[in-house]
Every structure is written in C-alpha cells, then in structure tokens.
Amino acid sequence: MSDEYLGEDQPARRTTPTWELELLISGATVFGLMQLPDPLNRALIVMMNGNEGPIVDLVRTVSIYLQFSLITLIITFVLHLLARAYWVAIVGMYSVYPQGIRWENKNTTGGPAYREFGKNEMGSIPDQIERADNRATKIFGLGFGMAMAMLIASAVVGLMILIMMIVQVSNGDMEVWNTAMWAVLGVLFLPFFTAYLVDFQFGEKLKEKGMDGWIKKIFQVYRKVGIGNGVNPVISLYTSNEGAQKTSIMMALVMIPLMFGVGIFTATRGSAIDNGAYDGLPKPQLGAELVVRPEYYSNSRGDEFSTTMVPFIEDSVVSTNFLRLFIPYQPNRFNEFLRKKCPDSLVRKLANQGKGLDCLSNYFAIQIDTQVTKHSLLSATDPETGQRGMVAMIDVRELSNGQHLLKVKVMPKDTESSEDKEPTFHKIPFWK
C-alpha cells in the first residue's frame, strides 16, 4: 500500500490496489450466486433420495461442504460491497470537505467532553479511510479463502461418491465397499498425519540433526494433490499476520454457526416450519390429520416440495372414479426393509415379477378412513421430478360425498428398532 498523498487537504491515496477488481467481482457475481443455493440443494436432495445409504451419507456430507462454500461466498460479497460502499462514501465526503471534521463547531458536535472523546476515538479522516479500505479487503480475501478451503474435501468426497455409484450400478456389496473405501482413505492419509505430528513435536530437533528430509518428501507428495500447508495463501497471510489463536476463534465463530445453518437449511427444505406464532392452529407435523400439507398433493407441491419423499395424490378434491396415489421409492430405507423382510424380492428375476411390489404393498397397508383394502402397486415414475416409485389406483366410486382420510404407513428409518413400536402413518385428507 502506497503512502503517497495529493496533499494534507486532499483525499487519501493509501488504497489497496485491488479495490476495483474486488468491486467488479463482488458486484458481478453476488446476484448470480444468490440464485444457486436452492437449485444446488435440490440437486443434492435428489441424489440423496435416489441412492442407497452409503451414498446418501456421502452426499449429505458433500452437500454441507458445497452449501457452506456457496453461502460463504454470498455473505462475503454482500459484506464486501457494504464495506466498499462505506469506503467510497467516506472518500467522497472527504473530497467534498477536505478540512475534515470541524470539532470546534459546538452547534453540531456537542459539548467539550463529547467532542474530545469523539476526536480521540475517531482519529484523522485519512486513517479512517485506510482502515475502511483494509477492512473491505480483509472481508473479501478471508471469506474467499474460507470458501476455497472446502474444495479439497469436496473433491475427495465427490470421488468417493463416484466410486460408490459405480458399485451401486454394478450391484456390488455397498457396505463392504464403503468400509473398504474408508479404510483405504485412512491408509492414504496416514503418512501425512504421521509426518505432521512428528514435525510438530520433534521438528526442530530433527532439523538440527538434518533428519527431517523424509518429512519434507511426504509433504511434497501431498502438496502435489493440493493437501498441506501453503495451498491456501489467503488464509496463511491472515493467520501469520493476525495470529493463529485469533484466526481460529474468528473462523470458529463464523464457520460453526454457518455449518449449523446449512444443515438446518438442508434438513428443513420442503417442510412447513412452525415459528411458534400460530398458537391456535395444530402443529404442521407430518401425519397430522387436521393439517392439509402441500407436499401431499401434486398440484401444490411446486419446486419447494417436489423433492419431499412422501406419498401424494393429484389433488385434495377427487372428481374421478379412481384416486391416484404415488409413493416415492427411497432406496436407503426400502432396500434395507426388503433385505430383512422379503429377501427373495431383491433377486432380479423375482423383482421383475413384482415380488418387491407385493411385499411393500402389504407393509404400507393403504386404507381410506378406517377400512384397509388390498391395493396392487405398479412401478412408476413421477413425470415432474423423474423420481421413481410406485402407483396405486384406488377405487373411490363407492365413497360418500364429503371429507375422507387416506392413510399410508410410514417406512421407519430402522426396521429392527421399530418392530415393537406403534406404526405411524401419512394422513392425507381429501374430498369427493
């Protein structure tokens, strides 16, 4: 940063040389980035809905990384624009009033103690301009560095997802491959962590004896794939100048709440949230029969609820002879259920003959009002989302006019632990 001035009464020129590029990048990208979190979350949820458990866990992990990076960039660019706007404002005002703040003006700056306090705290306007300039650049650089820190982890998990999807398509044993992959990952990273710990504890002594060459070679190997010290110079610049403890506290205060917020955002997408203000209404919980939930009806699901994995009908008012019920297939739950309850149904030949559909139909125990009836299920695809699932065509010609309740048993997350528990139901009100 240059110390050159046009003169004591002119605006300061001690300005970060990248301020124009900072503004260009922030202004050009912030509004586009604001459109990305929802489509990204939707794509990740579609992946979680359509794959088996090990892949779902990996996608859930990488979704937090990617959403964190994206939201960090958005917050960074917005805060940077505000910080730069403040800097522009103070530079502009100083050019209009080059004499600076007239603290002797009693009519606008208060009493003597108040004026003295303000003068001492604020300092000179050129110093204020420099601090505002530096603050904006730190926000830009540190936020960008924090977002980029997640890319290596995202790439590693993304490679694991690719491998597991190949195993899934090949009908391999997902659990065995998942365990083996984590074991291989641990072995691959073991030399790095070993060298890091040895260097941290005994590095100085090994350096004095000239025995630290093997540590440097290990770090060099990992550095080629983007792992290790120096891969994020932005964070390194900040940490080395501001102090590691200060940086760690600051990053923890930012990253932990943001990670938590990203998790909540991902988990609650497509669900009605109760903010505690609607005390006179039933809680909008899944299965409440006094609540008409939009995710239960095709014509009201929209983009927000389209990836919600619950059974749904076409409309709350049925005007045809048959009620079309679509039940999304959740591989991470349904496959485990079939593996424990109807293992033969997972044999490809028997699955093609409908063995799995029959087993699931018996479990769901579809009923209208209080009457349980046997409904055959057919494999189908939701044309709006491409989600695979099952369709039941329910004859409603004999139903009386008025309100009715469609009930479909909820598939538990853990089949074994829920065997002794009272089953829960999706409860879908409709009118004929």
Protein backbone atom coordinates (compact mmCIF):
# COMPACT_ATOMS: atom_id res chain seq x y z
CA MET A 1 0.00 0.00 0.00
CA SER A 2 1.43 3.39 -1.02
CA ASP A 3 1.85 6.28 1.45
CA GLU A 4 1.54 8.91 -1.30
CA TYR A 5 -0.86 11.84 -0.74
CA LEU A 6 -2.06 14.59 -3.03
CA GLY A 7 -1.74 16.93 -0.07
CA GLU A 8 -2.88 17.25 3.52
CA ASP A 9 -6.26 18.57 2.47
CA GLN A 10 -6.90 16.05 -0.33
CA PRO A 11 -8.42 12.53 -0.22
CA ALA A 12 -6.00 9.81 0.82
CA ARG A 13 -4.43 7.64 -1.84
CA ARG A 14 -3.38 4.87 0.55
CA THR A 15 -5.72 2.49 -1.19
CA THR A 16 -5.48 -1.27 -1.75
CA PRO A 17 -4.54 -1.66 -5.45
CA THR A 18 -7.13 -4.42 -5.95
CA TRP A 19 -10.17 -2.40 -4.90
CA GLU A 20 -11.51 -2.06 -8.45
CA LEU A 21 -11.23 -5.80 -9.11
CA GLU A 22 -12.82 -6.54 -5.74
CA LEU A 23 -15.83 -4.40 -6.57
CA LEU A 24 -16.08 -5.87 -10.07
CA ILE A 25 -16.02 -9.46 -8.80
CA SER A 26 -18.42 -8.83 -5.93
CA GLY A 27 -20.88 -6.82 -7.99
CA ALA A 28 -20.83 -9.16 -10.96
CA THR A 29 -21.25 -12.40 -9.04
CA VAL A 30 -23.24 -11.75 -5.88
CA PHE A 31 -26.65 -11.64 -7.52
CA GLY A 32 -25.95 -14.70 -9.64
CA LEU A 33 -24.70 -16.64 -6.62
CA MET A 34 -27.87 -15.81 -4.71
CA GLN A 35 -29.81 -17.88 -7.23
CA LEU A 36 -27.68 -21.01 -6.75
CA PRO A 37 -28.30 -22.34 -3.18
CA ASP A 38 -31.81 -23.61 -3.88
CA PRO A 39 -31.02 -25.40 -7.20
CA LEU A 40 -27.87 -26.87 -5.66
CA ASN A 41 -29.76 -28.07 -2.60
CA ARG A 42 -32.46 -29.51 -4.83
CA ALA A 43 -29.93 -31.44 -6.93
CA LEU A 44 -28.21 -32.81 -3.83
CA ILE A 45 -31.52 -33.86 -2.26
CA VAL A 46 -32.48 -35.66 -5.49
CA MET A 47 -29.21 -37.58 -5.18
CA MET A 48 -29.94 -38.41 -1.55
CA ASN A 49 -33.47 -39.54 -2.40
CA GLY A 50 -32.39 -41.81 -5.24
CA ASN A 51 -29.44 -43.74 -3.81
CA GLU A 52 -28.65 -46.26 -1.11
CA GLY A 53 -27.49 -45.49 2.41
CA PRO A 54 -23.68 -45.26 1.99
CA ILE A 55 -24.06 -42.86 -0.94
CA VAL A 56 -26.68 -40.85 0.91
CA ASP A 57 -24.27 -40.32 3.81
CA LEU A 58 -21.53 -39.14 1.45
CA VAL A 59 -23.86 -36.83 -0.47
CA ARG A 60 -25.12 -35.38 2.80
CA THR A 61 -21.52 -34.62 3.79
CA VAL A 62 -20.54 -33.03 0.49
CA SER A 63 -23.79 -31.04 0.47
CA ILE A 64 -22.72 -29.31 3.68
CA TYR A 65 -19.30 -28.54 2.19
CA LEU A 66 -20.71 -27.14 -1.06
CA GLN A 67 -23.53 -25.19 0.56
CA PHE A 68 -21.09 -23.77 3.10
CA SER A 69 -18.74 -22.60 0.35
CA LEU A 70 -21.55 -21.08 -1.69
CA ILE A 71 -23.22 -19.29 1.20
CA THR A 72 -19.84 -18.09 2.49
CA LEU A 73 -19.13 -16.52 -0.90
CA ILE A 74 -22.55 -14.85 -0.96
CA ILE A 75 -22.14 -13.42 2.55
CA THR A 76 -18.57 -12.37 1.72
CA PHE A 77 -19.54 -10.48 -1.43
CA VAL A 78 -22.51 -8.78 0.22
CA LEU A 79 -20.44 -7.67 3.23
CA HIS A 80 -17.65 -6.59 0.92
CA LEU A 81 -20.00 -4.47 -1.16
CA LEU A 82 -21.28 -2.80 2.02
CA ALA A 83 -17.73 -2.25 3.32
CA ARG A 84 -16.62 -0.82 -0.02
CA ALA A 85 -19.72 1.37 -0.14
CA TYR A 86 -18.73 2.81 3.25
CA TRP A 87 -15.19 3.36 1.99
CA VAL A 88 -16.47 5.12 -1.15
CA ALA A 89 -18.77 7.26 0.99
CA ILE A 90 -16.04 8.44 3.35
CA VAL A 91 -13.57 9.07 0.49
CA GLY A 92 -16.20 11.05 -1.38
CA MET A 93 -17.22 13.10 1.64
CA TYR A 94 -13.58 13.86 2.42
CA SER A 95 -13.09 15.17 -1.10
CA VAL A 96 -16.09 17.49 -0.58
CA TYR A 97 -14.94 18.57 2.90
CA PRO A 98 -11.10 18.38 2.74
CA GLN A 99 -10.78 20.28 6.00
CA GLY A 100 -12.06 17.19 7.81
CA ILE A 101 -14.33 17.18 10.85
CA ARG A 102 -14.63 20.63 12.45
CA TRP A 103 -14.62 19.56 16.08
CA GLU A 104 -14.65 23.20 17.24
CA ASN A 105 -18.16 23.64 15.86
CA LYS A 106 -20.21 23.50 19.07
CA ASN A 107 -23.56 23.52 17.24
CA THR A 108 -23.04 20.11 15.62
CA THR A 109 -20.54 18.19 17.74
CA GLY A 110 -21.94 18.50 21.27
CA GLY A 111 -20.21 19.59 24.49
CA PRO A 112 -16.46 19.74 25.10
CA ALA A 113 -16.15 16.30 26.72
CA TYR A 114 -18.23 14.72 23.97
CA ARG A 115 -16.15 16.46 21.28
CA GLU A 116 -12.85 15.42 22.85
CA PHE A 117 -13.96 11.84 23.23
CA GLY A 118 -15.12 11.67 19.60
CA LYS A 119 -11.93 13.27 18.29
CA ASN A 120 -9.68 10.90 20.20
CA GLU A 121 -11.65 7.80 19.24
CA MET A 122 -12.10 8.61 15.55
CA GLY A 123 -8.66 9.88 14.68
CA SER A 124 -7.92 11.53 11.35
CA ILE A 125 -10.07 11.02 8.26
CA PRO A 126 -7.14 9.62 6.18
CA ASP A 127 -6.67 6.98 8.89
CA GLN A 128 -10.38 6.22 8.79
CA ILE A 129 -10.19 5.84 5.02
CA GLU A 130 -7.26 3.45 5.29
CA ARG A 131 -8.95 1.34 7.97
CA ALA A 132 -12.14 1.13 5.90
CA ASP A 133 -10.11 0.14 2.84
CA ASN A 134 -8.20 -2.56 4.72
CA ARG A 135 -11.39 -3.86 6.34
CA ALA A 136 -13.08 -4.34 2.98
CA THR A 137 -10.07 -6.18 1.55
CA LYS A 138 -9.84 -8.47 4.60
CA ILE A 139 -13.52 -9.36 4.29
CA PHE A 140 -13.09 -10.16 0.61
CA GLY A 141 -9.91 -12.18 0.99
CA LEU A 142 -10.75 -14.08 4.16
CA GLY A 143 -14.27 -15.01 3.03
CA PHE A 144 -12.98 -16.24 -0.31
CA GLY A 145 -10.22 -18.21 1.42
CA MET A 146 -12.68 -19.90 3.80
CA ALA A 147 -14.90 -20.92 0.89
CA MET A 148 -11.96 -22.33 -1.07
CA ALA A 149 -10.82 -24.33 1.97
CA MET A 150 -13.75 -26.69 1.42
CA LEU A 151 -12.89 -27.55 -2.20
CA ILE A 152 -10.30 -30.26 -1.46
CA ALA A 153 -12.62 -32.00 1.00
CA SER A 154 -15.48 -31.74 -1.51
CA ALA A 155 -13.30 -33.24 -4.25
CA VAL A 156 -12.28 -36.19 -2.05
CA VAL A 157 -15.86 -36.95 -1.01
CA GLY A 158 -17.02 -36.45 -4.61
CA LEU A 159 -14.56 -39.12 -5.78
CA MET A 160 -15.87 -41.46 -3.10
CA ILE A 161 -19.44 -40.84 -4.30
CA LEU A 162 -18.42 -41.67 -7.88
CA ILE A 163 -16.82 -44.94 -6.79
CA MET A 164 -19.85 -45.95 -4.70
CA MET A 165 -22.26 -45.13 -7.54
CA ILE A 166 -20.28 -47.44 -9.83
CA VAL A 167 -20.56 -50.15 -7.18
CA GLN A 168 -24.29 -49.49 -6.87
CA VAL A 169 -24.87 -49.78 -10.63
CA SER A 170 -22.84 -52.99 -10.65
CA ASN A 171 -24.97 -54.43 -7.80
CA GLY A 172 -21.90 -54.78 -5.62
CA ASP A 173 -21.99 -55.09 -1.85
CA MET A 174 -22.35 -51.45 -0.79
CA GLU A 175 -21.45 -51.98 2.86
CA VAL A 176 -18.28 -53.92 2.07
CA TRP A 177 -17.13 -51.36 -0.47
CA ASN A 178 -17.99 -48.48 1.84
CA THR A 179 -15.92 -49.98 4.67
CA ALA A 180 -13.05 -50.79 2.32
CA MET A 181 -13.05 -47.31 0.82
CA TRP A 182 -12.84 -45.59 4.21
CA ALA A 183 -10.05 -47.99 5.20
CA VAL A 184 -8.11 -47.16 2.02
CA LEU A 185 -8.68 -43.44 2.62
CA GLY A 186 -7.29 -43.79 6.14
CA VAL A 187 -4.21 -45.61 4.86
CA LEU A 188 -3.61 -42.96 2.17
CA PHE A 189 -3.75 -40.10 4.67
CA LEU A 190 -1.85 -41.88 7.46
CA PRO A 191 1.65 -40.83 6.21
CA PHE A 192 0.59 -37.18 6.05
CA PHE A 193 -0.80 -37.10 9.59
CA THR A 194 2.16 -39.07 10.92
CA ALA A 195 4.64 -36.65 9.33
CA TYR A 196 2.61 -33.68 10.57
CA LEU A 197 2.58 -34.89 14.18
CA VAL A 198 6.25 -35.83 14.17
CA ASP A 199 7.17 -32.46 12.65
CA PHE A 200 5.02 -30.61 15.17
CA GLN A 201 6.51 -32.41 18.18
CA PHE A 202 10.11 -33.06 17.13
CA GLY A 203 10.62 -30.95 14.01
CA GLU A 204 13.21 -28.57 15.47
CA LYS A 205 15.39 -31.38 16.83
CA LEU A 206 15.18 -33.35 13.58
CA LYS A 207 16.07 -30.22 11.60
CA GLU A 208 19.16 -29.59 13.75
CA LYS A 209 20.31 -33.16 13.11
CA GLY A 210 19.47 -33.00 9.40
CA MET A 211 16.97 -35.84 9.74
CA ASP A 212 13.82 -34.08 8.54
CA GLY A 213 14.27 -34.87 4.83
CA TRP A 214 11.72 -37.69 4.87
CA ILE A 215 9.11 -35.37 6.39
CA LYS A 216 9.61 -32.81 3.60
CA LYS A 217 9.33 -35.53 0.95
CA ILE A 218 6.00 -36.69 2.38
CA PHE A 219 4.67 -33.12 2.46
CA GLN A 220 5.89 -32.62 -1.11
CA VAL A 221 3.93 -35.63 -2.35
CA TYR A 222 0.70 -34.48 -0.72
CA ARG A 223 1.26 -30.89 -1.85
CA LYS A 224 1.04 -32.06 -5.48
CA VAL A 225 -2.59 -33.10 -4.92
CA GLY A 226 -3.47 -29.89 -3.09
CA ILE A 227 -3.09 -31.06 0.50
CA GLY A 228 -0.90 -29.37 3.06
CA ASN A 229 0.48 -26.02 4.14
CA GLY A 230 0.57 -23.25 1.55
CA VAL A 231 -2.35 -24.43 -0.59
CA ASN A 232 -4.47 -21.54 0.70
CA PRO A 233 -2.22 -18.46 0.70
CA VAL A 234 -5.10 -16.14 1.59
CA ILE A 235 -5.71 -17.86 4.92
CA SER A 236 -1.95 -18.18 5.50
CA LEU A 237 -1.45 -14.44 5.01
CA TYR A 238 -4.19 -13.63 7.51
CA THR A 239 -3.13 -16.24 10.07
CA SER A 240 0.56 -15.35 10.03
CA ASN A 241 -0.14 -11.64 10.49
CA GLU A 242 -3.14 -11.67 12.81
CA GLY A 243 -2.13 -14.68 14.91
CA ALA A 244 -3.26 -18.30 14.83
CA GLN A 245 -5.33 -18.06 18.02
CA LYS A 246 -7.24 -15.00 16.84
CA THR A 247 -7.82 -16.59 13.43
CA SER A 248 -9.03 -19.87 14.94
CA ILE A 249 -11.50 -18.12 17.24
CA MET A 250 -12.77 -15.89 14.45
CA MET A 251 -13.18 -18.79 12.00
CA ALA A 252 -14.91 -20.92 14.63
CA LEU A 253 -17.36 -18.11 15.38
CA VAL A 254 -18.14 -17.88 11.67
CA MET A 255 -17.93 -21.47 10.47
CA ILE A 256 -19.75 -23.31 13.26
CA PRO A 257 -22.99 -21.25 13.10
CA LEU A 258 -22.83 -21.25 9.30
CA MET A 259 -22.36 -25.03 9.16
CA PHE A 260 -25.27 -25.43 11.57
CA GLY A 261 -27.41 -23.11 9.45
CA VAL A 262 -26.56 -25.02 6.27
CA GLY A 263 -27.55 -28.28 7.97
CA ILE A 264 -30.87 -26.83 9.08
CA PHE A 265 -31.49 -25.40 5.61
CA THR A 266 -30.82 -28.79 4.01
CA ALA A 267 -32.88 -30.75 6.52
CA THR A 268 -35.93 -28.47 6.51
CA ARG A 269 -36.23 -27.88 2.76
CA GLY A 270 -39.70 -28.91 1.64
CA SER A 271 -41.22 -28.92 5.11
CA ALA A 272 -43.51 -26.45 6.82
CA ILE A 273 -41.72 -24.69 9.68
CA ASP A 274 -43.59 -23.64 12.79
CA ASN A 275 -42.19 -20.35 14.13
CA GLY A 276 -44.28 -20.54 17.30
CA ALA A 277 -46.65 -17.70 16.37
CA TYR A 278 -49.67 -19.77 15.30
CA ASP A 279 -50.75 -20.94 18.74
CA GLY A 280 -54.37 -21.61 17.75
CA LEU A 281 -53.52 -23.99 14.90
CA PRO A 282 -52.34 -27.62 15.04
CA LYS A 283 -48.62 -28.12 14.65
CA PRO A 284 -47.74 -28.77 10.97
CA GLN A 285 -46.15 -32.11 11.76
CA LEU A 286 -46.03 -34.97 9.32
CA GLY A 287 -49.17 -37.10 9.65
CA ALA A 288 -51.36 -34.56 11.46
CA GLU A 289 -54.85 -35.31 10.10
CA LEU A 290 -56.07 -31.78 10.82
CA VAL A 291 -53.46 -30.24 8.53
CA VAL A 292 -53.65 -30.02 4.73
CA ARG A 293 -49.98 -30.22 3.81
CA PRO A 294 -48.95 -29.09 0.30
CA GLU A 295 -46.45 -31.93 -0.16
CA TYR A 296 -49.33 -34.45 -0.15
CA TYR A 297 -50.91 -33.03 -3.32
CA SER A 298 -49.30 -32.98 -6.75
CA ASN A 299 -50.86 -29.68 -7.82
CA SER A 300 -49.47 -27.84 -4.75
CA ARG A 301 -46.03 -29.44 -4.32
CA GLY A 302 -44.23 -26.96 -6.57
CA ASP A 303 -40.43 -26.63 -6.62
CA GLU A 304 -40.09 -26.28 -2.87
CA PHE A 305 -41.83 -29.54 -2.01
CA SER A 306 -41.15 -31.54 -5.20
CA THR A 307 -38.24 -33.46 -3.65
CA THR A 308 -40.08 -34.27 -0.40
CA MET A 309 -40.26 -38.06 -0.13
CA VAL A 310 -43.85 -38.58 0.99
CA PRO A 311 -46.81 -40.25 -0.74
CA PHE A 312 -49.01 -37.81 -2.63
CA ILE A 313 -52.22 -37.69 -4.61
CA GLU A 314 -53.06 -35.41 -7.53
CA ASP A 315 -55.47 -33.04 -5.77
CA SER A 316 -57.28 -32.56 -2.48
CA VAL A 317 -60.60 -32.78 -4.36
CA VAL A 318 -61.18 -36.07 -6.22
CA SER A 319 -63.58 -35.81 -9.15
CA THR A 320 -62.73 -39.10 -10.89
CA ASN A 321 -63.55 -42.73 -10.20
CA PHE A 322 -60.03 -43.60 -9.17
CA LEU A 323 -57.64 -41.88 -6.77
CA ARG A 324 -54.01 -41.98 -7.98
CA LEU A 325 -51.54 -42.42 -5.11
CA PHE A 326 -47.81 -42.12 -5.82
CA ILE A 327 -45.37 -43.48 -3.23
CA PRO A 328 -41.73 -42.44 -3.84
CA TYR A 329 -39.18 -45.25 -3.55
CA GLN A 330 -36.42 -44.44 -1.07
CA PRO A 331 -33.53 -46.86 -1.73
CA ASN A 332 -31.76 -46.14 1.57
CA ARG A 333 -34.87 -47.26 3.52
CA PHE A 334 -36.83 -49.56 1.23
CA ASN A 335 -33.91 -51.76 0.18
CA GLU A 336 -32.99 -52.40 3.80
CA PHE A 337 -36.60 -53.22 4.63
CA LEU A 338 -36.87 -55.69 1.74
CA ARG A 339 -33.50 -57.21 2.62
CA LYS A 340 -34.79 -58.04 6.13
CA LYS A 341 -38.45 -58.81 5.45
CA CYS A 342 -38.58 -60.14 1.90
CA PRO A 343 -35.01 -61.01 0.84
CA ASP A 344 -36.19 -63.02 -2.19
CA SER A 345 -37.73 -59.86 -3.65
CA LEU A 346 -34.25 -58.43 -4.25
CA VAL A 347 -33.40 -61.22 -6.66
CA ARG A 348 -33.61 -59.55 -10.08
CA LYS A 349 -35.88 -62.16 -11.65
CA LEU A 350 -38.36 -62.07 -8.75
CA ALA A 351 -38.20 -58.27 -8.55
CA ASN A 352 -39.15 -58.12 -12.23
CA GLN A 353 -42.14 -60.34 -11.42
CA GLY A 354 -43.38 -57.89 -8.75
CA LYS A 355 -42.23 -59.68 -5.60
CA GLY A 356 -40.92 -56.45 -4.11
CA LEU A 357 -44.07 -54.52 -5.02
CA ASP A 358 -46.23 -57.14 -3.26
CA CYS A 359 -44.07 -57.03 -0.13
CA LEU A 360 -44.22 -53.23 0.04
CA SER A 361 -47.98 -53.22 -0.63
CA ASN A 362 -48.53 -55.49 2.35
CA TYR A 363 -46.44 -53.22 4.55
CA PHE A 364 -48.00 -49.90 3.54
CA ALA A 365 -51.48 -51.17 4.43
CA ILE A 366 -53.19 -48.42 2.42
CA GLN A 367 -56.54 -47.52 3.90
CA ILE A 368 -59.30 -44.96 3.47
CA ASP A 369 -60.89 -43.77 6.68
CA THR A 370 -60.91 -46.95 8.81
CA GLN A 371 -61.07 -49.57 6.04
CA VAL A 372 -57.87 -51.35 4.98
CA THR A 373 -58.02 -52.67 1.43
CA LYS A 374 -55.57 -54.58 -0.72
CA HIS A 375 -54.17 -52.35 -3.46
CA SER A 376 -51.76 -53.59 -6.08
CA LEU A 377 -48.74 -51.41 -6.68
CA LEU A 378 -47.19 -50.73 -10.06
CA SER A 379 -43.73 -49.34 -10.70
CA ALA A 380 -43.92 -45.75 -11.96
CA THR A 381 -42.01 -42.50 -12.38
CA ASP A 382 -43.11 -39.05 -11.29
CA PRO A 383 -43.12 -37.02 -14.55
CA GLU A 384 -42.38 -33.76 -12.71
CA THR A 385 -39.18 -34.83 -10.97
CA GLY A 386 -38.16 -38.13 -12.54
CA GLN A 387 -38.37 -39.74 -9.10
CA ARG A 388 -39.08 -43.48 -9.33
CA GLY A 389 -41.70 -45.03 -7.11
CA MET A 390 -44.99 -46.91 -7.02
CA VAL A 391 -48.54 -46.09 -8.02
CA ALA A 392 -51.76 -47.39 -6.50
CA MET A 393 -55.06 -46.70 -8.28
CA ILE A 394 -57.72 -46.65 -5.55
CA ASP A 395 -61.39 -47.11 -6.47
CA VAL A 396 -63.41 -44.33 -4.80
CA ARG A 397 -66.72 -44.82 -6.64
CA GLU A 398 -68.42 -46.22 -3.55
CA LEU A 399 -67.26 -43.46 -1.24
CA SER A 400 -69.83 -40.96 0.01
CA ASN A 401 -69.50 -37.30 -0.82
CA GLY A 402 -67.55 -35.27 1.71
CA GLN A 403 -64.25 -35.48 3.56
CA HIS A 404 -62.18 -38.68 3.77
CA LEU A 405 -58.75 -39.64 5.09
CA LEU A 406 -56.16 -41.65 3.16
CA LYS A 407 -53.57 -43.37 5.36
CA VAL A 408 -50.26 -44.91 4.28
CA LYS A 409 -47.89 -46.49 6.79
CA VAL A 410 -44.56 -44.67 7.19
CA MET A 411 -41.44 -46.66 6.38
CA PRO A 412 -39.20 -46.45 9.50
CA LYS A 413 -35.56 -45.43 9.31
CA ASP A 414 -34.52 -48.51 11.26
CA THR A 415 -36.70 -51.56 10.62
CA GLU A 416 -35.41 -53.62 13.56
CA SER A 417 -35.62 -50.95 16.27
CA SER A 418 -39.17 -50.00 15.27
CA GLU A 419 -40.69 -53.51 15.22
CA ASP A 420 -42.16 -53.17 18.71
CA LYS A 421 -43.30 -49.58 18.24
CA GLU A 422 -46.71 -48.38 17.18
CA PRO A 423 -46.58 -47.65 13.43
CA THR A 424 -47.07 -44.11 12.20
CA PHE A 425 -48.99 -43.07 9.11
CA HIS A 426 -49.00 -40.46 6.41
CA LYS A 427 -52.51 -38.98 6.73
CA ILE A 428 -53.82 -37.29 3.59
CA PRO A 429 -57.24 -35.59 3.79
CA PHE A 430 -59.23 -35.41 0.57
CA TRP A 431 -62.76 -34.58 -0.54
CA LYS A 432 -65.10 -36.26 -3.01
